[in-house]
């Protein structure tokens, strides 16, 4: 890891929900359904990488579809837990996401799910993702927005809307510590971050069909959200709390 950056280490000890299998199951199922729809699973001689793998729920779910799956994190506590239930073709390594330990154009799938805000330099993260992906490779990118009303990590109203100095004071007042590490982007910031990729936006596609894409954890059946017309989702699209993108490497030729 590079000395000039401040890293967020052992995140699972700060957010134990990351270790909760029941909480993660719906998110894993959603990812698998999107990747199946995108044609990213079941390729021969294929390699997948889960960046920020934590305890390994996503990495292990990919094992049936790939020859080799790598789970990467700087959270040693979570990595040790992941290794307690080994799967033959899943390898867990301590690694910096801004310096991925893979050769150019060597990876078929990269999973980057709600990780970018925990990385010191997200631009370098996506430069690395682009570097390691094969020309036909795919990145599954799940991303929270800074315009979410309730900040997803510390569960405080409008926390991610505030300048860091004020956000730190807010955290301290609310008994959450005095350091708001995460850096969430707006929708427009996310689009700029992934501008070097061809982007297939699955967000509204998933909202339209929550059963097919295992989205019922966020859109309960017969709830107000379930009954909201799609034109309303489109109207407020750029204010949604999170997005799902499938990224493909641009062919500069």
C-alpha atoms as a PDB file:
ATOM      1  CA  UNK A   1       0.000   0.000   0.000  1.00  0.00           C
ATOM      2  CA  UNK A   2       1.208   3.515  -0.792  1.00  0.00           C
ATOM      3  CA  UNK A   3       2.359   5.637   2.123  1.00  0.00           C
ATOM      4  CA  UNK A   4       0.906   8.904   0.821  1.00  0.00           C
ATOM      5  CA  UNK A   5      -2.657   7.618   1.047  1.00  0.00           C
ATOM      6  CA  UNK A   6      -4.845   7.184   4.108  1.00  0.00           C
ATOM      7  CA  UNK A   7      -6.499   3.773   3.948  1.00  0.00           C
ATOM      8  CA  UNK A   8      -9.639   2.567   5.712  1.00  0.00           C
ATOM      9  CA  UNK A   9      -8.435  -0.631   7.339  1.00  0.00           C
ATOM     10  CA  UNK A  10     -10.429  -3.450   8.960  1.00  0.00           C
ATOM     11  CA  UNK A  11     -13.743  -2.004   7.822  1.00  0.00           C
ATOM     12  CA  UNK A  12     -15.650  -5.092   8.949  1.00  0.00           C
ATOM     13  CA  UNK A  13     -14.792  -4.328  12.575  1.00  0.00           C
ATOM     14  CA  UNK A  14     -16.373  -0.885  12.167  1.00  0.00           C
ATOM     15  CA  UNK A  15     -19.374  -2.226  10.208  1.00  0.00           C
ATOM     16  CA  UNK A  16     -20.200  -5.748  11.442  1.00  0.00           C
ATOM     17  CA  UNK A  17     -23.187  -5.928   9.082  1.00  0.00           C
ATOM     18  CA  UNK A  18     -20.648  -6.703   6.346  1.00  0.00           C
ATOM     19  CA  UNK A  19     -20.238 -10.112   8.001  1.00  0.00           C
ATOM     20  CA  UNK A  20     -23.981 -10.830   8.066  1.00  0.00           C
ATOM     21  CA  UNK A  21     -24.851 -13.596   5.591  1.00  0.00           C
ATOM     22  CA  UNK A  22     -28.607 -12.896   5.660  1.00  0.00           C
ATOM     23  CA  UNK A  23     -28.056  -9.202   4.912  1.00  0.00           C
ATOM     24  CA  UNK A  24     -25.704 -10.003   2.034  1.00  0.00           C
ATOM     25  CA  UNK A  25     -27.745 -12.804   0.437  1.00  0.00           C
ATOM     26  CA  UNK A  26     -30.168 -10.568  -1.460  1.00  0.00           C
ATOM     27  CA  UNK A  27     -27.308  -8.408  -2.720  1.00  0.00           C
ATOM     28  CA  UNK A  28     -25.409 -11.481  -3.901  1.00  0.00           C
ATOM     29  CA  UNK A  29     -28.501 -12.850  -5.659  1.00  0.00           C
ATOM     30  CA  UNK A  30     -29.080  -9.485  -7.330  1.00  0.00           C
ATOM     31  CA  UNK A  31     -25.517  -9.374  -8.635  1.00  0.00           C
ATOM     32  CA  UNK A  32     -25.730 -12.918 -10.008  1.00  0.00           C
ATOM     33  CA  UNK A  33     -29.029 -12.177 -11.783  1.00  0.00           C
ATOM     34  CA  UNK A  34     -27.587  -9.033 -13.404  1.00  0.00           C
ATOM     35  CA  UNK A  35     -24.427 -10.840 -14.508  1.00  0.00           C
ATOM     36  CA  UNK A  36     -26.467 -13.693 -15.963  1.00  0.00           C
ATOM     37  CA  UNK A  37     -28.517 -11.164 -17.922  1.00  0.00           C
ATOM     38  CA  UNK A  38     -25.328  -9.472 -19.119  1.00  0.00           C
ATOM     39  CA  UNK A  39     -23.848 -12.775 -20.309  1.00  0.00           C
ATOM     40  CA  UNK A  40     -20.884 -12.512 -17.939  1.00  0.00           C
ATOM     41  CA  UNK A  41     -21.103 -15.947 -16.292  1.00  0.00           C
ATOM     42  CA  UNK A  42     -20.153 -19.446 -17.365  1.00  0.00           C
ATOM     43  CA  UNK A  43     -17.248 -18.522 -19.656  1.00  0.00           C
ATOM     44  CA  UNK A  44     -14.525 -21.110 -20.301  1.00  0.00           C
ATOM     45  CA  UNK A  45     -11.063 -20.649 -18.745  1.00  0.00           C
ATOM     46  CA  UNK A  46     -12.352 -17.564 -16.979  1.00  0.00           C
ATOM     47  CA  UNK A  47     -11.076 -15.541 -14.022  1.00  0.00           C
ATOM     48  CA  UNK A  48     -13.079 -13.239 -11.739  1.00  0.00           C
ATOM     49  CA  UNK A  49     -11.938 -10.708  -9.149  1.00  0.00           C
ATOM     50  CA  UNK A  50     -13.987  -9.330  -6.266  1.00  0.00           C
ATOM     51  CA  UNK A  51     -12.477  -6.045  -5.086  1.00  0.00           C
ATOM     52  CA  UNK A  52     -13.175  -5.279  -1.441  1.00  0.00           C
ATOM     53  CA  UNK A  53     -14.362  -8.842  -0.905  1.00  0.00           C
ATOM     54  CA  UNK A  54     -14.566  -8.662   2.913  1.00  0.00           C
ATOM     55  CA  UNK A  55     -15.673 -12.082   4.207  1.00  0.00           C
ATOM     56  CA  UNK A  56     -16.136 -13.380   0.673  1.00  0.00           C
ATOM     57  CA  UNK A  57     -19.888 -13.665   0.072  1.00  0.00           C
ATOM     58  CA  UNK A  58     -19.660 -12.326  -3.485  1.00  0.00           C
ATOM     59  CA  UNK A  59     -16.423 -14.131  -4.347  1.00  0.00           C
ATOM     60  CA  UNK A  60     -17.742 -17.502  -3.184  1.00  0.00           C
ATOM     61  CA  UNK A  61     -21.016 -17.027  -5.074  1.00  0.00           C
ATOM     62  CA  UNK A  62     -18.998 -16.715  -8.293  1.00  0.00           C
ATOM     63  CA  UNK A  63     -17.131 -19.999  -7.751  1.00  0.00           C
ATOM     64  CA  UNK A  64     -19.556 -22.177  -9.816  1.00  0.00           C
ATOM     65  CA  UNK A  65     -19.179 -19.885 -12.843  1.00  0.00           C
ATOM     66  CA  UNK A  66     -15.410 -19.316 -13.061  1.00  0.00           C
ATOM     67  CA  UNK A  67     -12.254 -21.412 -13.110  1.00  0.00           C
ATOM     68  CA  UNK A  68     -10.606 -19.082 -10.588  1.00  0.00           C
ATOM     69  CA  UNK A  69     -12.012 -16.358  -8.350  1.00  0.00           C
ATOM     70  CA  UNK A  70      -9.824 -13.919  -6.433  1.00  0.00           C
ATOM     71  CA  UNK A  71     -11.128 -12.014  -3.424  1.00  0.00           C
ATOM     72  CA  UNK A  72      -9.063  -8.925  -2.602  1.00  0.00           C
ATOM     73  CA  UNK A  73      -9.188  -6.694   0.446  1.00  0.00           C
ATOM     74  CA  UNK A  74      -7.032  -4.825   2.970  1.00  0.00           C
ATOM     75  CA  UNK A  75      -9.302  -6.005   5.799  1.00  0.00           C
ATOM     76  CA  UNK A  76      -7.176  -8.762   7.340  1.00  0.00           C
ATOM     77  CA  UNK A  77      -9.816  -9.688   9.907  1.00  0.00           C
ATOM     78  CA  UNK A  78     -12.445 -10.315   7.198  1.00  0.00           C
ATOM     79  CA  UNK A  79      -9.944 -12.128   4.948  1.00  0.00           C
ATOM     80  CA  UNK A  80      -9.079 -14.527   7.769  1.00  0.00           C
ATOM     81  CA  UNK A  81     -12.783 -15.245   8.261  1.00  0.00           C
ATOM     82  CA  UNK A  82     -13.224 -15.816   4.521  1.00  0.00           C
ATOM     83  CA  UNK A  83     -10.428 -18.387   4.548  1.00  0.00           C
ATOM     84  CA  UNK A  84     -12.085 -20.363   7.333  1.00  0.00           C
ATOM     85  CA  UNK A  85     -14.555 -21.857   4.819  1.00  0.00           C
ATOM     86  CA  UNK A  86     -12.322 -22.559   1.816  1.00  0.00           C
ATOM     87  CA  UNK A  87     -13.511 -23.287  -1.718  1.00  0.00           C
ATOM     88  CA  UNK A  88     -10.977 -24.881  -4.084  1.00  0.00           C
ATOM     89  CA  UNK A  89     -11.108 -22.276  -6.839  1.00  0.00           C
ATOM     90  CA  UNK A  90     -11.499 -19.182  -4.626  1.00  0.00           C
ATOM     91  CA  UNK A  91      -8.333 -17.412  -3.450  1.00  0.00           C
ATOM     92  CA  UNK A  92      -8.314 -14.598  -0.902  1.00  0.00           C
ATOM     93  CA  UNK A  93      -5.415 -12.132  -0.960  1.00  0.00           C
ATOM     94  CA  UNK A  94      -4.447  -8.968   0.870  1.00  0.00           C
ATOM     95  CA  UNK A  95      -4.104  -6.389  -1.926  1.00  0.00           C
ATOM     96  CA  UNK A  96      -4.402  -2.678  -2.654  1.00  0.00           C
ATOM     97  CA  UNK A  97      -7.219  -2.023  -5.138  1.00  0.00           C
ATOM     98  CA  UNK A  98      -5.207   0.829  -6.647  1.00  0.00           C
ATOM     99  CA  UNK A  99      -2.436  -1.632  -7.563  1.00  0.00           C
ATOM    100  CA  UNK A 100      -4.175  -4.813  -8.619  1.00  0.00           C
ATOM    101  CA  UNK A 101      -1.817  -7.827  -8.648  1.00  0.00           C
ATOM    102  CA  UNK A 102      -2.750  -8.994 -12.157  1.00  0.00           C
ATOM    103  CA  UNK A 103      -1.326  -8.695 -15.653  1.00  0.00           C
ATOM    104  CA  UNK A 104      -2.852  -6.462 -18.299  1.00  0.00           C
ATOM    105  CA  UNK A 105      -5.980  -7.859 -20.006  1.00  0.00           C
ATOM    106  CA  UNK A 106      -6.070 -10.986 -17.837  1.00  0.00           C
ATOM    107  CA  UNK A 107      -9.438 -10.823 -16.026  1.00  0.00           C
ATOM    108  CA  UNK A 108     -12.918 -11.689 -17.334  1.00  0.00           C
ATOM    109  CA  UNK A 109     -14.989 -10.153 -14.535  1.00  0.00           C
ATOM    110  CA  UNK A 110     -14.307  -7.542 -11.890  1.00  0.00           C
ATOM    111  CA  UNK A 111     -16.841  -6.997  -9.122  1.00  0.00           C
ATOM    112  CA  UNK A 112     -16.661  -3.553  -7.523  1.00  0.00           C
ATOM    113  CA  UNK A 113     -19.753  -3.366  -5.354  1.00  0.00           C
ATOM    114  CA  UNK A 114     -20.072  -0.382  -3.013  1.00  0.00           C
ATOM    115  CA  UNK A 115     -16.307  -0.108  -2.719  1.00  0.00           C
ATOM    116  CA  UNK A 116     -15.265   3.071  -4.551  1.00  0.00           C
ATOM    117  CA  UNK A 117     -16.061   5.347  -1.593  1.00  0.00           C
ATOM    118  CA  UNK A 118     -13.661   3.389   0.634  1.00  0.00           C
ATOM    119  CA  UNK A 119     -10.696   3.748  -1.753  1.00  0.00           C
ATOM    120  CA  UNK A 120      -8.280   6.676  -1.347  1.00  0.00           C
ATOM    121  CA  UNK A 121      -8.259   7.416  -5.101  1.00  0.00           C
ATOM    122  CA  UNK A 122     -11.279   6.008  -7.010  1.00  0.00           C
ATOM    123  CA  UNK A 123      -9.879   7.265 -10.323  1.00  0.00           C
ATOM    124  CA  UNK A 124      -6.824   5.054  -9.898  1.00  0.00           C
ATOM    125  CA  UNK A 125      -9.083   2.169  -8.925  1.00  0.00           C
ATOM    126  CA  UNK A 126     -10.930   2.364 -12.238  1.00  0.00           C
ATOM    127  CA  UNK A 127      -7.732   2.841 -14.206  1.00  0.00           C
ATOM    128  CA  UNK A 128      -6.601  -0.460 -12.693  1.00  0.00           C
ATOM    129  CA  UNK A 129      -9.920  -2.156 -13.447  1.00  0.00           C
ATOM    130  CA  UNK A 130      -9.648  -1.055 -17.068  1.00  0.00           C
ATOM    131  CA  UNK A 131      -6.038  -2.259 -17.230  1.00  0.00           C
ATOM    132  CA  UNK A 132      -6.690  -5.791 -15.982  1.00  0.00           C
ATOM    133  CA  UNK A 133      -9.953  -6.472 -17.850  1.00  0.00           C
ATOM    134  CA  UNK A 134      -9.799  -8.475 -21.054  1.00  0.00           C
ATOM    135  CA  UNK A 135     -11.123  -6.688 -24.171  1.00  0.00           C
ATOM    136  CA  UNK A 136     -14.429  -8.568 -23.744  1.00  0.00           C
ATOM    137  CA  UNK A 137     -14.342  -8.343 -19.943  1.00  0.00           C
ATOM    138  CA  UNK A 138     -17.015  -6.880 -17.672  1.00  0.00           C
ATOM    139  CA  UNK A 139     -17.066  -4.908 -14.439  1.00  0.00           C
ATOM    140  CA  UNK A 140     -20.109  -5.091 -12.169  1.00  0.00           C
ATOM    141  CA  UNK A 141     -20.236  -1.693 -10.460  1.00  0.00           C
ATOM    142  CA  UNK A 142     -22.681  -1.086  -7.611  1.00  0.00           C
ATOM    143  CA  UNK A 143     -22.436   2.505  -6.427  1.00  0.00           C
ATOM    144  CA  UNK A 144     -24.055   4.595  -3.725  1.00  0.00           C
ATOM    145  CA  UNK A 145     -24.743   8.266  -4.441  1.00  0.00           C
ATOM    146  CA  UNK A 146     -23.803  11.210  -2.246  1.00  0.00           C
ATOM    147  CA  UNK A 147     -27.374  12.502  -2.681  1.00  0.00           C
ATOM    148  CA  UNK A 148     -28.842   9.653  -0.676  1.00  0.00           C
ATOM    149  CA  UNK A 149     -30.922  11.113   2.158  1.00  0.00           C
ATOM    150  CA  UNK A 150     -29.719   8.630   4.784  1.00  0.00           C
ATOM    151  CA  UNK A 151     -25.979   8.003   4.452  1.00  0.00           C
ATOM    152  CA  UNK A 152     -25.594   4.214   4.070  1.00  0.00           C
ATOM    153  CA  UNK A 153     -22.538   3.661   6.281  1.00  0.00           C
ATOM    154  CA  UNK A 154     -23.335   5.752   9.347  1.00  0.00           C
ATOM    155  CA  UNK A 155     -27.121   6.109   8.897  1.00  0.00           C
ATOM    156  CA  UNK A 156     -27.211   9.862   9.452  1.00  0.00           C
ATOM    157  CA  UNK A 157     -29.520  12.205   7.549  1.00  0.00           C
ATOM    158  CA  UNK A 158     -27.792  14.177   4.775  1.00  0.00           C
ATOM    159  CA  UNK A 159     -24.294  13.303   6.052  1.00  0.00           C
ATOM    160  CA  UNK A 160     -22.866  12.789   2.556  1.00  0.00           C
ATOM    161  CA  UNK A 161     -24.248  16.154   1.414  1.00  0.00           C
ATOM    162  CA  UNK A 162     -21.995  18.048   3.818  1.00  0.00           C
ATOM    163  CA  UNK A 163     -18.425  19.369   3.438  1.00  0.00           C
ATOM    164  CA  UNK A 164     -15.967  17.097   5.255  1.00  0.00           C
ATOM    165  CA  UNK A 165     -15.253  19.561   8.040  1.00  0.00           C
ATOM    166  CA  UNK A 166     -18.940  19.882   8.914  1.00  0.00           C
ATOM    167  CA  UNK A 167     -19.575  16.159   8.354  1.00  0.00           C
ATOM    168  CA  UNK A 168     -16.829  15.318  10.867  1.00  0.00           C
ATOM    169  CA  UNK A 169     -18.434  17.578  13.476  1.00  0.00           C
ATOM    170  CA  UNK A 170     -21.854  16.053  12.748  1.00  0.00           C
ATOM    171  CA  UNK A 171     -20.396  12.565  13.232  1.00  0.00           C
ATOM    172  CA  UNK A 172     -18.863  13.602  16.565  1.00  0.00           C
ATOM    173  CA  UNK A 173     -22.077  15.187  17.836  1.00  0.00           C
ATOM    174  CA  UNK A 174     -24.048  12.049  16.925  1.00  0.00           C
ATOM    175  CA  UNK A 175     -21.594   9.751  18.702  1.00  0.00           C
ATOM    176  CA  UNK A 176     -20.257   8.179  15.499  1.00  0.00           C
ATOM    177  CA  UNK A 177     -16.654   9.257  15.976  1.00  0.00           C
ATOM    178  CA  UNK A 178     -15.220  12.397  14.430  1.00  0.00           C
ATOM    179  CA  UNK A 179     -14.006  11.191  11.049  1.00  0.00           C
ATOM    180  CA  UNK A 180     -16.220  10.759   8.009  1.00  0.00           C
ATOM    181  CA  UNK A 181     -13.847   8.803   5.788  1.00  0.00           C
ATOM    182  CA  UNK A 182     -16.127   7.775   2.922  1.00  0.00           C
ATOM    183  CA  UNK A 183     -16.232   9.884  -0.252  1.00  0.00           C
ATOM    184  CA  UNK A 184     -19.495   9.429  -2.136  1.00  0.00           C
ATOM    185  CA  UNK A 185     -20.060  10.950  -5.575  1.00  0.00           C
ATOM    186  CA  UNK A 186     -23.198  12.347  -7.179  1.00  0.00           C
ATOM    187  CA  UNK A 187     -24.645  10.574 -10.216  1.00  0.00           C
ATOM    188  CA  UNK A 188     -22.755  13.033 -12.430  1.00  0.00           C
ATOM    189  CA  UNK A 189     -19.524  12.329 -10.544  1.00  0.00           C
ATOM    190  CA  UNK A 190     -20.029   8.581 -10.984  1.00  0.00           C
ATOM    191  CA  UNK A 191     -20.562   9.012 -14.718  1.00  0.00           C
ATOM    192  CA  UNK A 192     -17.305  10.943 -14.960  1.00  0.00           C
ATOM    193  CA  UNK A 193     -15.522   8.291 -12.890  1.00  0.00           C
ATOM    194  CA  UNK A 194     -16.502   5.528 -15.346  1.00  0.00           C
ATOM    195  CA  UNK A 195     -16.304   7.608 -18.530  1.00  0.00           C
ATOM    196  CA  UNK A 196     -13.526   5.391 -19.941  1.00  0.00           C
ATOM    197  CA  UNK A 197     -15.966   2.462 -20.188  1.00  0.00           C
ATOM    198  CA  UNK A 198     -19.006   1.568 -22.214  1.00  0.00           C
ATOM    199  CA  UNK A 199     -21.756   1.763 -19.582  1.00  0.00           C
ATOM    200  CA  UNK A 200     -24.905  -0.340 -19.483  1.00  0.00           C
ATOM    201  CA  UNK A 201     -27.110   1.096 -16.765  1.00  0.00           C
ATOM    202  CA  UNK A 202     -29.102  -1.674 -15.067  1.00  0.00           C
ATOM    203  CA  UNK A 203     -30.649   0.534 -12.392  1.00  0.00           C
ATOM    204  CA  UNK A 204     -34.076   1.087 -13.952  1.00  0.00           C
ATOM    205  CA  UNK A 205     -34.057  -2.371 -15.505  1.00  0.00           C
ATOM    206  CA  UNK A 206     -33.770  -3.887 -12.026  1.00  0.00           C
ATOM    207  CA  UNK A 207     -36.437  -1.551 -10.625  1.00  0.00           C
ATOM    208  CA  UNK A 208     -38.842  -2.540 -13.431  1.00  0.00           C
ATOM    209  CA  UNK A 209     -38.502  -6.239 -12.634  1.00  0.00           C
ATOM    210  CA  UNK A 210     -37.582  -6.689  -8.951  1.00  0.00           C
ATOM    211  CA  UNK A 211     -38.548 -10.372  -8.935  1.00  0.00           C
ATOM    212  CA  UNK A 212     -36.301 -11.294 -11.838  1.00  0.00           C
ATOM    213  CA  UNK A 213     -33.380  -9.309 -10.436  1.00  0.00           C
ATOM    214  CA  UNK A 214     -33.843 -10.211  -6.753  1.00  0.00           C
ATOM    215  CA  UNK A 215     -34.546  -6.655  -5.677  1.00  0.00           C
ATOM    216  CA  UNK A 216     -37.290  -7.415  -3.160  1.00  0.00           C
ATOM    217  CA  UNK A 217     -35.013  -6.468  -0.255  1.00  0.00           C
ATOM    218  CA  UNK A 218     -35.256  -2.870  -1.498  1.00  0.00           C
ATOM    219  CA  UNK A 219     -38.682  -2.946  -3.199  1.00  0.00           C
ATOM    220  CA  UNK A 220     -41.024  -5.088  -1.071  1.00  0.00           C
ATOM    221  CA  UNK A 221     -43.955  -6.612  -2.927  1.00  0.00           C
ATOM    222  CA  UNK A 222     -47.105  -4.426  -2.932  1.00  0.00           C
ATOM    223  CA  UNK A 223     -45.258  -1.628  -1.142  1.00  0.00           C
ATOM    224  CA  UNK A 224     -45.501   2.020  -2.169  1.00  0.00           C
ATOM    225  CA  UNK A 225     -42.166   1.667  -3.977  1.00  0.00           C
ATOM    226  CA  UNK A 226     -43.460  -1.392  -5.812  1.00  0.00           C
ATOM    227  CA  UNK A 227     -46.490   0.572  -7.003  1.00  0.00           C
ATOM    228  CA  UNK A 228     -44.515   3.655  -8.061  1.00  0.00           C
ATOM    229  CA  UNK A 229     -44.815   4.149 -11.852  1.00  0.00           C
ATOM    230  CA  UNK A 230     -41.572   3.868 -13.797  1.00  0.00           C
ATOM    231  CA  UNK A 231     -41.937   7.464 -15.058  1.00  0.00           C
ATOM    232  CA  UNK A 232     -41.566   8.664 -11.469  1.00  0.00           C
ATOM    233  CA  UNK A 233     -38.340   6.657 -11.078  1.00  0.00           C
ATOM    234  CA  UNK A 234     -37.096   8.214 -14.310  1.00  0.00           C
ATOM    235  CA  UNK A 235     -38.046  11.702 -13.171  1.00  0.00           C
ATOM    236  CA  UNK A 236     -36.035  11.395  -9.981  1.00  0.00           C
ATOM    237  CA  UNK A 237     -33.396   9.100 -11.444  1.00  0.00           C
ATOM    238  CA  UNK A 238     -30.417  11.355 -10.757  1.00  0.00           C
ATOM    239  CA  UNK A 239     -31.450  11.574  -7.100  1.00  0.00           C
ATOM    240  CA  UNK A 240     -31.617   7.820  -6.497  1.00  0.00           C
ATOM    241  CA  UNK A 241     -29.549   6.554  -3.536  1.00  0.00           C
ATOM    242  CA  UNK A 242     -27.614   3.966  -5.573  1.00  0.00           C
ATOM    243  CA  UNK A 243     -27.000   2.637  -9.070  1.00  0.00           C
ATOM    244  CA  UNK A 244     -26.047  -0.595 -10.815  1.00  0.00           C
ATOM    245  CA  UNK A 245     -23.787  -0.372 -13.864  1.00  0.00           C
ATOM    246  CA  UNK A 246     -22.246  -3.014 -16.107  1.00  0.00           C
ATOM    247  CA  UNK A 247     -18.997  -1.652 -17.541  1.00  0.00           C
ATOM    248  CA  UNK A 248     -17.211  -2.867 -20.646  1.00  0.00           C
ATOM    249  CA  UNK A 249     -13.808  -1.820 -21.935  1.00  0.00           C
ATOM    250  CA  UNK A 250     -13.980   0.628 -24.832  1.00  0.00           C
ATOM    251  CA  UNK A 251     -12.344  -0.550 -28.045  1.00  0.00           C
ATOM    252  CA  UNK A 252     -10.107   2.372 -28.928  1.00  0.00           C
ATOM    253  CA  UNK A 253      -9.343   0.790 -32.278  1.00  0.00           C
END
